[in-house]
């Protein structure tokens, strides 16, 4: 059975182009040391064989740290390496179809933008929702509109699922979005682009904990 107790607080989404010439593991390892609780492997420009080999290596490390690995888009890769789950966008395989394939054993995350999309994704069998984008981001230039801090509340009221915000998330806004109702923040450039991924992750986690009144 899939783990429904996952801590989605600080959700790292990988991006090799933003990693300052480092391998993804060279970013992931210090980021986990800094507090990352989930890693999503996102690869848009490598072939399936390379994606698979990379995912196997990353999963081996994350398993040793007790950190779940989510595969972006590619259900086949997620199944091949026995990843914790897969994240699906609005243009990817339908959630209910993916659920029929994986059964109850894998996590399925879904990208949503509106309360209606959130309700539909929950009804179709998603385990968590990625709200995208909270703020317009250079890593997703095709997304011109944003949810914003004020848009989190209506989505929060529409679903019981964990909500993770993505889109220009960093140490300057993590506090406000968690206070607005998110369960976690998904970070790309605010960790991948930083020379010290450990320190970058720690700063964001500190803001998440501060929003929860834990520091």
Protein backbone atom coordinates (compact mmCIF):
# COMPACT_ATOMS: atom_id res chain seq x y z
CA UNK A 1 0.00 0.00 0.00
CA UNK A 2 1.16 3.55 -0.70
CA UNK A 3 2.30 5.69 2.21
CA UNK A 4 -0.30 8.32 3.02
CA UNK A 5 1.87 9.87 5.76
CA UNK A 6 4.46 11.46 3.49
CA UNK A 7 5.82 14.81 4.59
CA UNK A 8 5.44 17.08 1.56
CA UNK A 9 6.86 20.15 3.33
CA UNK A 10 9.85 20.80 1.06
CA UNK A 11 9.48 19.17 -2.33
CA UNK A 12 12.49 19.46 -4.64
CA UNK A 13 11.85 19.32 -8.40
CA UNK A 14 15.05 18.65 -10.32
CA UNK A 15 16.22 20.61 -13.36
CA UNK A 16 19.55 19.71 -14.91
CA UNK A 17 19.75 23.00 -16.86
CA UNK A 18 19.61 24.99 -13.62
CA UNK A 19 22.07 22.85 -11.68
CA UNK A 20 25.21 24.91 -12.41
CA UNK A 21 26.92 22.06 -14.24
CA UNK A 22 26.48 19.63 -11.37
CA UNK A 23 24.87 16.22 -11.66
CA UNK A 24 21.39 15.93 -10.18
CA UNK A 25 22.74 13.83 -7.32
CA UNK A 26 25.25 16.58 -6.54
CA UNK A 27 22.26 18.87 -5.98
CA UNK A 28 19.96 16.34 -4.33
CA UNK A 29 22.38 15.11 -1.66
CA UNK A 30 23.07 18.49 -0.02
CA UNK A 31 19.44 19.54 -0.52
CA UNK A 32 18.31 16.51 1.48
CA UNK A 33 20.87 17.40 4.15
CA UNK A 34 19.26 20.83 4.26
CA UNK A 35 15.75 19.52 4.81
CA UNK A 36 14.18 18.42 1.52
CA UNK A 37 11.45 15.86 2.28
CA UNK A 38 10.42 14.72 -1.23
CA UNK A 39 12.24 14.70 -4.58
CA UNK A 40 10.57 14.78 -7.99
CA UNK A 41 12.77 13.72 -10.89
CA UNK A 42 11.81 15.79 -13.91
CA UNK A 43 13.58 15.09 -17.20
CA UNK A 44 12.32 16.53 -20.46
CA UNK A 45 15.34 16.18 -22.72
CA UNK A 46 16.91 12.77 -22.13
CA UNK A 47 16.02 9.45 -23.70
CA UNK A 48 14.22 6.75 -21.76
CA UNK A 49 17.34 4.66 -21.15
CA UNK A 50 19.25 7.56 -19.62
CA UNK A 51 16.20 8.61 -17.59
CA UNK A 52 15.93 5.07 -16.23
CA UNK A 53 19.60 4.78 -15.31
CA UNK A 54 19.58 8.16 -13.60
CA UNK A 55 16.38 7.34 -11.71
CA UNK A 56 17.81 4.07 -10.42
CA UNK A 57 20.87 5.85 -9.02
CA UNK A 58 18.85 8.64 -7.43
CA UNK A 59 16.33 6.24 -5.93
CA UNK A 60 19.09 4.15 -4.36
CA UNK A 61 20.42 7.23 -2.57
CA UNK A 62 16.99 8.52 -1.53
CA UNK A 63 15.97 5.10 -0.22
CA UNK A 64 19.01 5.20 2.04
CA UNK A 65 17.74 8.50 3.46
CA UNK A 66 14.08 7.53 3.69
CA UNK A 67 13.06 10.17 1.12
CA UNK A 68 10.34 9.33 -1.44
CA UNK A 69 11.09 9.74 -5.14
CA UNK A 70 8.31 10.93 -7.44
CA UNK A 71 8.75 10.68 -11.21
CA UNK A 72 7.37 13.50 -13.32
CA UNK A 73 5.05 12.45 -16.17
CA UNK A 74 6.62 9.05 -16.90
CA UNK A 75 4.52 6.31 -15.33
CA UNK A 76 6.63 3.69 -17.09
CA UNK A 77 9.82 4.91 -15.42
CA UNK A 78 8.09 5.15 -12.05
CA UNK A 79 6.98 1.52 -12.33
CA UNK A 80 10.30 0.31 -13.73
CA UNK A 81 12.31 1.58 -10.76
CA UNK A 82 9.58 1.08 -8.15
CA UNK A 83 9.46 4.80 -7.32
CA UNK A 84 7.10 6.04 -4.63
CA UNK A 85 4.87 7.58 -7.26
CA UNK A 86 4.29 9.70 -10.33
CA UNK A 87 3.22 13.31 -10.86
CA UNK A 88 0.81 14.00 -13.71
CA UNK A 89 0.06 17.29 -15.41
CA UNK A 90 -3.15 18.31 -17.12
CA UNK A 91 -1.82 17.04 -20.47
CA UNK A 92 -0.53 13.72 -19.15
CA UNK A 93 -2.19 10.34 -18.68
CA UNK A 94 -5.57 10.75 -16.93
CA UNK A 95 -5.43 10.16 -13.18
CA UNK A 96 -8.06 7.42 -13.16
CA UNK A 97 -6.28 5.56 -15.96
CA UNK A 98 -2.97 5.78 -14.10
CA UNK A 99 -4.67 4.54 -10.95
CA UNK A 100 -5.99 1.48 -12.80
CA UNK A 101 -2.44 0.70 -13.89
CA UNK A 102 -0.71 1.16 -10.53
CA UNK A 103 -3.55 0.11 -8.26
CA UNK A 104 -3.27 1.27 -4.68
CA UNK A 105 0.48 0.81 -4.39
CA UNK A 106 1.75 4.12 -5.78
CA UNK A 107 1.30 7.81 -5.04
CA UNK A 108 -0.27 9.89 -7.79
CA UNK A 109 0.15 13.65 -7.72
CA UNK A 110 -1.74 15.97 -10.05
CA UNK A 111 -1.22 19.55 -11.19
CA UNK A 112 -4.26 21.79 -10.73
CA UNK A 113 -5.05 25.47 -11.07
CA UNK A 114 -8.66 25.87 -9.89
CA UNK A 115 -10.95 24.52 -7.16
CA UNK A 116 -12.90 22.54 -9.76
CA UNK A 117 -9.73 20.87 -11.02
CA UNK A 118 -8.81 20.06 -7.42
CA UNK A 119 -12.17 18.43 -6.74
CA UNK A 120 -11.99 16.44 -9.97
CA UNK A 121 -8.43 15.24 -9.30
CA UNK A 122 -9.41 14.07 -5.82
CA UNK A 123 -12.44 12.22 -7.20
CA UNK A 124 -10.29 10.49 -9.81
CA UNK A 125 -7.85 9.15 -7.22
CA UNK A 126 -5.01 11.64 -6.76
CA UNK A 127 -3.09 11.52 -3.47
CA UNK A 128 -1.80 15.09 -3.48
CA UNK A 129 -2.19 18.20 -5.60
CA UNK A 130 0.43 20.50 -7.06
CA UNK A 131 -0.95 24.03 -7.35
CA UNK A 132 0.75 25.51 -10.38
CA UNK A 133 1.85 28.19 -10.64
CA UNK A 134 1.45 30.07 -7.38
CA UNK A 135 3.53 32.81 -8.98
CA UNK A 136 4.52 33.06 -12.65
CA UNK A 137 7.87 31.34 -13.07
CA UNK A 138 10.64 31.31 -15.66
CA UNK A 139 10.81 27.50 -15.44
CA UNK A 140 7.24 27.30 -16.85
CA UNK A 141 7.04 30.19 -19.34
CA UNK A 142 3.94 28.71 -20.97
CA UNK A 143 1.92 29.45 -17.80
CA UNK A 144 0.95 33.12 -17.99
CA UNK A 145 -1.58 33.28 -15.13
CA UNK A 146 -0.90 32.63 -11.48
CA UNK A 147 -2.88 31.41 -8.49
CA UNK A 148 -1.29 33.85 -6.05
CA UNK A 149 -1.50 33.76 -2.27
CA UNK A 150 -5.16 34.82 -2.33
CA UNK A 151 -6.05 31.94 -4.65
CA UNK A 152 -4.84 29.25 -2.26
CA UNK A 153 -7.77 29.48 0.15
CA UNK A 154 -10.53 28.53 -2.32
CA UNK A 155 -8.55 25.48 -3.45
CA UNK A 156 -7.80 24.54 0.14
CA UNK A 157 -11.52 24.57 0.92
CA UNK A 158 -12.29 22.45 -2.16
CA UNK A 159 -10.23 19.39 -1.18
CA UNK A 160 -8.89 17.38 1.73
CA UNK A 161 -5.76 16.35 -0.18
CA UNK A 162 -2.29 17.72 0.64
CA UNK A 163 -1.55 20.86 -1.38
CA UNK A 164 1.93 21.67 -2.66
CA UNK A 165 2.58 25.00 -4.33
CA UNK A 166 5.00 25.41 -7.22
CA UNK A 167 6.03 28.50 -9.12
CA UNK A 168 8.79 30.87 -7.94
CA UNK A 169 8.75 29.34 -4.46
CA UNK A 170 11.70 30.39 -2.29
CA UNK A 171 12.70 31.57 1.18
CA UNK A 172 10.98 34.93 0.70
CA UNK A 173 7.46 33.56 0.17
CA UNK A 174 7.38 30.11 1.80
CA UNK A 175 6.04 31.59 5.04
CA UNK A 176 3.09 33.35 3.39
CA UNK A 177 1.96 30.41 1.25
CA UNK A 178 2.10 27.92 4.12
CA UNK A 179 0.09 30.31 6.27
CA UNK A 180 -2.41 30.59 3.39
CA UNK A 181 -3.10 26.85 3.45
CA UNK A 182 -0.41 24.94 1.61
CA UNK A 183 1.03 21.75 3.06
CA UNK A 184 4.31 22.17 1.25
CA UNK A 185 6.31 24.14 -1.28
CA UNK A 186 7.85 22.70 -4.43
CA UNK A 187 11.14 24.33 -5.30
CA UNK A 188 13.17 24.30 -8.48
CA UNK A 189 15.55 27.22 -9.05
CA UNK A 190 15.69 28.36 -5.41
CA UNK A 191 17.66 25.19 -4.68
CA UNK A 192 19.01 24.00 -8.05
CA UNK A 193 20.48 27.40 -8.94
CA UNK A 194 22.18 27.95 -5.59
CA UNK A 195 25.84 26.97 -5.17
CA UNK A 196 25.07 25.77 -1.63
CA UNK A 197 21.95 23.61 -2.02
CA UNK A 198 22.07 22.58 1.63
CA UNK A 199 21.94 26.14 2.91
CA UNK A 200 19.26 27.07 0.37
CA UNK A 201 17.03 24.18 1.44
CA UNK A 202 17.60 24.95 5.12
CA UNK A 203 16.49 28.57 4.69
CA UNK A 204 13.26 27.54 3.00
CA UNK A 205 12.55 24.85 5.58
CA UNK A 206 13.12 27.38 8.35
CA UNK A 207 10.38 29.58 6.85
CA UNK A 208 8.02 26.60 6.52
CA UNK A 209 8.54 25.71 10.18
CA UNK A 210 8.17 29.34 11.22
CA UNK A 211 4.82 29.50 9.42
CA UNK A 212 3.70 26.48 11.42
CA UNK A 213 4.82 28.03 14.68
CA UNK A 214 7.54 25.45 15.22
CA UNK A 215 10.49 27.83 15.53
